[in-house]
Amino acid sequence: MQRRAVLAGAAGWLAASAAGAAPSATVASRAVPDDVFPRDSRVPGGVARLSLGPAPSLPDARTPEGVPLLVLGDAREWTALVGIPLAAQVGPAHIDVRGSDGSARPLAYDIASKRYTEQRLTVAPGTVDLSPQDLARYERERAHMDTVMAAFSEPLPPSLRMLVPVPGRRSSSFGSRRVFNGQSRNPHSGMDIAAPTGTPVRAPLPGRVIDTGDYFFNGGTVWLDHGGGLLTMVCHLSRIDVKVGDALETGKALAASGATGRVTGPHLHWSVLLNRAMVDPALFF
């Protein structure tokens, strides 16, 4: 899949449908070469690679909630990449593939279970039991983040194989159950990489800066939009060297790692978002 492909709002229906045959209701697992990214992992927090078959133009594929999906390929075969939320239920799931007349046909797949590790951390009490002022700040920031995470642009980069933003040891993996000061919180929605303060942080893919800021939990933060609903976020930065609207190439330095926000020490938090679902960054490298 060397061609760039973008997701259009209204697109051609599947070739099978155009010929009068209904598309298959179930997507079977099939082998994907090791050098194809992201890797197929149909678990909560994973990515499902679903074949849409051949079609003369780009299919319009969406989640059941109507969120557009990233679609790659060409007329010989299209593939939808589906980010599976960590909160997704195990079992049957589906996406909708839409025709030019607005009708939608379901394409089914199964989500398997995955057991993530548990991580117990000790942090400043004020970052677990929030004061009314801090809670109000967090809620404002959460509402802003919801608008950032809804970004969908085009085109896509020619490859989705990502560069790890900083060198270092993985200090916490994606999906870990987080227990702060003995209180259970949401699972870890990214990957933590141990990095001394001041380590250059680099763009994992070509992208455009769509948000920067200093947030209560995340500290210094930069969001990048890579196209097709694929976003990345780096947090706890000690310095930000880019501004909203900057276009970056893979490997371009954009910030420096640090220990801002809710942290136990200097490191980089790296999140990957696909169709508004946080997914495991390790599937992309």
Protein backbone atom coordinates (compact mmCIF):
# COMPACT_ATOMS: atom_id res chain seq x y z
CA MET A 1 0.00 0.00 0.00
CA GLN A 2 2.34 2.67 -1.25
CA ARG A 3 -0.24 5.19 -2.44
CA ARG A 4 -1.54 7.99 -0.32
CA ALA A 5 -5.21 7.64 0.42
CA VAL A 6 -7.57 10.06 2.14
CA LEU A 7 -11.02 9.56 3.58
CA ALA A 8 -13.72 11.41 1.66
CA GLY A 9 -17.03 12.43 3.16
CA ALA A 10 -19.04 10.83 0.36
CA ALA A 11 -17.43 8.00 -1.57
CA GLY A 12 -18.20 5.18 -3.97
CA TRP A 13 -19.81 1.99 -2.74
CA LEU A 14 -17.98 -1.31 -2.72
CA ALA A 15 -17.53 -2.95 -6.11
CA ALA A 16 -19.47 -5.98 -4.89
CA SER A 17 -22.43 -3.80 -4.05
CA ALA A 18 -22.21 -2.06 -7.41
CA ALA A 19 -22.43 -5.48 -9.04
CA GLY A 20 -25.55 -6.27 -7.02
CA ALA A 21 -23.91 -8.53 -4.43
CA ALA A 22 -24.02 -7.63 -0.74
CA PRO A 23 -20.66 -7.32 1.03
CA SER A 24 -19.74 -10.03 3.51
CA ALA A 25 -21.17 -9.60 6.99
CA THR A 26 -18.07 -10.96 8.68
CA VAL A 27 -14.40 -10.04 8.31
CA ALA A 28 -12.10 -13.03 8.62
CA SER A 29 -8.63 -12.66 10.10
CA ARG A 30 -5.88 -12.80 7.52
CA ALA A 31 -2.13 -12.69 7.67
CA VAL A 32 -0.52 -9.25 7.42
CA PRO A 33 3.20 -8.94 6.63
CA ASP A 34 5.42 -7.93 9.54
CA ASP A 35 6.42 -4.71 7.77
CA VAL A 36 2.82 -3.41 7.54
CA PHE A 37 1.92 -0.83 10.19
CA PRO A 38 -0.05 -0.56 12.32
CA ARG A 39 -0.19 -4.25 13.14
CA ASP A 40 -3.59 -5.92 13.43
CA SER A 41 -4.56 -6.41 17.09
CA ARG A 42 -8.30 -6.83 17.70
CA VAL A 43 -8.35 -6.20 21.45
CA PRO A 44 -9.41 -3.23 23.58
CA GLY A 45 -6.80 -0.56 22.88
CA GLY A 46 -5.75 -2.25 19.64
CA VAL A 47 -6.25 -1.65 15.92
CA ALA A 48 -8.38 -3.79 13.60
CA ARG A 49 -7.31 -3.93 9.94
CA LEU A 50 -10.52 -4.71 8.05
CA SER A 51 -10.53 -5.49 4.34
CA LEU A 52 -13.20 -3.60 2.41
CA GLY A 53 -12.38 -5.36 -0.85
CA PRO A 54 -11.99 -3.71 -4.26
CA ALA A 55 -13.85 -0.59 -5.33
CA PRO A 56 -13.31 2.06 -8.03
CA SER A 57 -13.20 4.90 -5.47
CA LEU A 58 -12.46 5.37 -1.81
CA PRO A 59 -15.12 3.76 0.45
CA ASP A 60 -16.67 5.75 3.28
CA ALA A 61 -16.28 3.67 6.44
CA ARG A 62 -17.38 4.78 9.90
CA THR A 63 -17.80 3.56 13.46
CA PRO A 64 -21.36 2.80 14.62
CA GLU A 65 -21.30 6.27 16.24
CA GLY A 66 -20.59 7.87 12.86
CA VAL A 67 -16.91 8.70 13.40
CA PRO A 68 -15.03 8.49 10.05
CA LEU A 69 -12.36 5.81 9.79
CA LEU A 70 -8.92 5.92 8.22
CA VAL A 71 -9.00 3.98 4.92
CA LEU A 72 -5.89 2.97 2.97
CA GLY A 73 -5.30 1.25 -0.35
CA ASP A 74 -6.38 1.59 -3.96
CA ALA A 75 -9.02 0.25 -6.35
CA ARG A 76 -7.64 -3.29 -6.01
CA GLU A 77 -8.27 -3.40 -2.26
CA TRP A 78 -9.17 -0.94 0.46
CA THR A 79 -8.45 -1.45 4.17
CA ALA A 80 -10.14 0.33 7.07
CA LEU A 81 -8.06 0.90 10.21
CA VAL A 82 -10.26 0.87 13.31
CA GLY A 83 -8.99 2.14 16.64
CA ILE A 84 -10.63 0.07 19.39
CA PRO A 85 -11.24 1.97 22.66
CA LEU A 86 -9.82 0.54 25.87
CA ALA A 87 -13.38 0.49 27.23
CA ALA A 88 -14.70 -1.60 24.32
CA GLN A 89 -16.66 -4.71 25.20
CA VAL A 90 -15.17 -8.07 24.24
CA GLY A 91 -17.16 -9.90 21.56
CA PRO A 92 -18.88 -8.99 18.29
CA ALA A 93 -18.36 -5.50 16.86
CA HIS A 94 -18.91 -3.83 13.51
CA ILE A 95 -18.26 -0.81 11.34
CA ASP A 96 -20.56 0.74 8.74
CA VAL A 97 -19.58 1.04 5.08
CA ARG A 98 -21.72 3.67 3.42
CA GLY A 99 -23.02 3.86 -0.12
CA SER A 100 -23.33 6.96 -2.27
CA ASP A 101 -27.05 7.04 -1.44
CA GLY A 102 -26.27 7.33 2.29
CA SER A 103 -27.21 3.75 3.13
CA ALA A 104 -24.89 1.79 5.43
CA ARG A 105 -24.04 -1.90 5.50
CA PRO A 106 -22.40 -3.43 8.58
CA LEU A 107 -19.03 -5.15 8.40
CA ALA A 108 -18.51 -7.37 11.44
CA TYR A 109 -15.40 -8.37 13.38
CA ASP A 110 -14.66 -9.75 16.86
CA ILE A 111 -12.83 -8.10 19.76
CA ALA A 112 -10.77 -10.51 21.86
CA SER A 113 -9.91 -10.04 25.53
CA LYS A 114 -6.55 -8.80 26.76
CA ARG A 115 -5.26 -8.58 30.31
CA TYR A 116 -3.18 -5.49 31.01
CA THR A 117 -0.81 -5.10 33.94
CA GLU A 118 -1.43 -3.04 37.08
CA GLN A 119 0.82 -0.16 38.10
CA ARG A 120 0.80 1.43 41.59
CA LEU A 121 2.14 4.98 41.83
CA THR A 122 2.63 7.57 44.57
CA VAL A 123 2.08 11.18 43.57
CA ALA A 124 1.26 14.50 45.27
CA PRO A 125 -2.12 14.13 47.06
CA GLY A 126 -3.48 17.24 45.33
CA THR A 127 -3.21 15.55 41.94
CA VAL A 128 -5.48 12.66 43.02
CA ASP A 129 -8.11 14.32 45.21
CA LEU A 130 -8.61 17.56 43.31
CA SER A 131 -9.58 20.84 44.92
CA PRO A 132 -12.69 22.56 43.48
CA GLN A 133 -10.43 24.99 41.60
CA ASP A 134 -8.28 22.22 40.12
CA LEU A 135 -11.35 20.17 39.23
CA ALA A 136 -12.86 23.15 37.40
CA ARG A 137 -9.58 23.64 35.52
CA TYR A 138 -9.46 19.96 34.57
CA GLU A 139 -13.05 20.04 33.28
CA ARG A 140 -12.28 23.09 31.12
CA GLU A 141 -9.22 21.36 29.74
CA ARG A 142 -11.15 18.14 29.14
CA ALA A 143 -13.75 19.98 27.06
CA HIS A 144 -10.98 21.61 25.02
CA MET A 145 -9.25 18.25 24.50
CA ASP A 146 -12.48 16.76 23.17
CA THR A 147 -12.44 19.32 20.35
CA VAL A 148 -8.76 18.62 19.62
CA MET A 149 -9.33 14.86 19.48
CA ALA A 150 -12.13 15.26 16.94
CA ALA A 151 -9.67 16.58 14.30
CA PHE A 152 -9.87 14.88 10.90
CA SER A 153 -7.76 16.12 8.00
CA GLU A 154 -6.05 14.96 4.82
CA PRO A 155 -3.82 13.78 3.26
CA LEU A 156 -2.16 10.87 5.02
CA PRO A 157 1.60 10.27 5.17
CA PRO A 158 2.83 7.60 2.71
CA SER A 159 3.75 5.26 5.59
CA LEU A 160 2.24 4.77 9.05
CA ARG A 161 5.38 3.25 10.55
CA MET A 162 6.23 5.59 13.43
CA LEU A 163 9.51 6.80 14.87
CA VAL A 164 9.66 6.52 18.67
CA PRO A 165 9.75 10.19 19.79
CA VAL A 166 12.62 9.78 22.28
CA PRO A 167 15.22 7.09 22.96
CA GLY A 168 14.94 5.36 26.32
CA ARG A 169 13.51 2.55 28.38
CA ARG A 170 9.76 1.98 28.34
CA SER A 171 8.84 2.76 31.93
CA SER A 172 5.10 2.11 31.59
CA SER A 173 3.21 0.36 28.83
CA PHE A 174 -0.11 1.25 27.28
CA GLY A 175 -3.24 -0.06 28.99
CA SER A 176 -1.79 -0.53 32.48
CA ARG A 177 -4.34 -0.17 35.26
CA ARG A 178 -3.25 2.89 37.24
CA VAL A 179 -3.55 3.04 41.02
CA PHE A 180 -2.54 6.46 42.41
CA ASN A 181 -1.99 6.65 46.17
CA GLY A 182 -4.10 3.51 46.55
CA GLN A 183 -6.99 4.84 44.44
CA SER A 184 -7.85 3.17 41.13
CA ARG A 185 -8.02 5.47 38.10
CA ASN A 186 -8.46 5.09 34.34
CA PRO A 187 -6.06 2.76 32.50
CA HIS A 188 -2.91 4.28 31.08
CA SER A 189 -3.80 5.72 27.67
CA GLY A 190 -0.26 5.95 26.32
CA MET A 191 3.31 4.75 26.60
CA ASP A 192 5.83 6.22 29.06
CA ILE A 193 9.48 6.40 28.01
CA ALA A 194 12.14 7.23 30.61
CA ALA A 195 14.05 10.27 29.36
CA PRO A 196 16.08 12.89 31.26
CA THR A 197 14.72 16.43 31.30
CA GLY A 198 15.82 18.26 28.15
CA THR A 199 15.92 15.22 25.84
CA PRO A 200 14.77 16.28 22.33
CA VAL A 201 11.30 15.00 21.42
CA ARG A 202 10.80 14.27 17.72
CA ALA A 203 7.78 13.93 15.45
CA PRO A 204 6.88 10.22 14.93
CA LEU A 205 5.33 10.92 11.50
CA PRO A 206 4.84 13.94 9.25
CA GLY A 207 2.13 16.07 10.76
CA ARG A 208 0.76 19.47 11.66
CA VAL A 209 0.73 20.94 15.17
CA ILE A 210 -2.91 21.38 16.20
CA ASP A 211 -2.56 22.15 19.92
CA THR A 212 0.03 23.10 22.51
CA GLY A 213 -0.38 24.02 26.16
CA ASP A 214 0.31 23.44 29.83
CA TYR A 215 -2.36 21.16 31.28
CA PHE A 216 -3.13 20.05 34.83
CA PHE A 217 -2.38 16.35 34.43
CA ASN A 218 -0.35 16.34 31.21
CA GLY A 219 1.89 19.36 31.83
CA GLY A 220 3.55 20.70 28.71
CA THR A 221 1.75 19.08 25.77
CA VAL A 222 1.87 19.01 21.96
CA TRP A 223 -0.73 17.39 19.67
CA LEU A 224 0.10 16.44 16.07
CA ASP A 225 -2.43 15.69 13.32
CA HIS A 226 -1.15 13.10 10.81
CA GLY A 227 -4.33 12.89 8.71
CA GLY A 228 -7.33 10.58 8.56
CA GLY A 229 -8.14 10.86 12.26
CA LEU A 230 -4.64 9.68 13.29
CA LEU A 231 -3.24 11.97 16.01
CA THR A 232 -0.33 11.75 18.43
CA MET A 233 0.25 13.55 21.72
CA VAL A 234 3.43 14.02 23.77
CA CYS A 235 3.23 15.20 27.40
CA HIS A 236 5.16 16.32 30.49
CA LEU A 237 7.40 18.53 28.32
CA SER A 238 9.88 20.93 29.87
CA ARG A 239 9.96 23.07 26.73
CA ILE A 240 7.81 23.46 23.60
CA ASP A 241 9.57 24.61 20.43
CA VAL A 242 6.63 24.64 17.98
CA LYS A 243 3.37 26.52 17.56
CA VAL A 244 -0.07 25.64 16.25
CA GLY A 245 -0.03 25.41 12.46
CA ASP A 246 3.62 24.29 12.13
CA ALA A 247 4.14 21.44 9.63
CA LEU A 248 6.73 18.88 10.74
CA GLU A 249 8.53 16.05 9.00
CA THR A 250 9.33 12.72 10.66
CA GLY A 251 12.19 13.17 13.13
CA LYS A 252 11.85 16.94 13.45
CA ALA A 253 12.50 18.10 17.03
CA LEU A 254 9.43 19.77 18.51
CA ALA A 255 10.03 19.95 22.26
CA ALA A 256 12.11 18.71 25.19
CA SER A 257 11.09 16.03 27.68
CA GLY A 258 10.52 16.91 31.32
CA ALA A 259 8.52 16.32 34.48
CA THR A 260 5.60 18.75 34.25
CA GLY A 261 2.03 17.83 35.21
CA ARG A 262 1.26 14.72 37.30
CA VAL A 263 4.48 12.71 37.23
CA THR A 264 6.76 10.66 39.47
CA GLY A 265 9.89 11.72 37.58
CA PRO A 266 11.18 12.91 34.20
CA HIS A 267 9.77 10.96 31.26
CA LEU A 268 7.81 11.32 28.04
CA HIS A 269 4.18 10.24 27.80
CA TRP A 270 3.27 9.36 24.20
CA SER A 271 -0.31 8.71 23.07
CA VAL A 272 -1.67 7.63 19.68
CA LEU A 273 -5.29 8.40 18.81
CA LEU A 274 -7.16 6.73 15.95
CA ASN A 275 -10.83 7.59 15.19
CA ARG A 276 -10.92 9.27 18.63
CA ALA A 277 -9.78 6.09 20.45
CA MET A 278 -6.49 5.87 22.33
CA VAL A 279 -4.58 2.87 20.97
CA ASP A 280 -1.29 1.13 21.72
CA PRO A 281 1.64 3.09 20.17
CA ALA A 282 3.67 -0.15 20.02
CA LEU A 283 1.50 -1.32 17.10
CA PHE A 284 2.99 1.45 14.94
CA PHE A 285 6.72 0.64 15.26
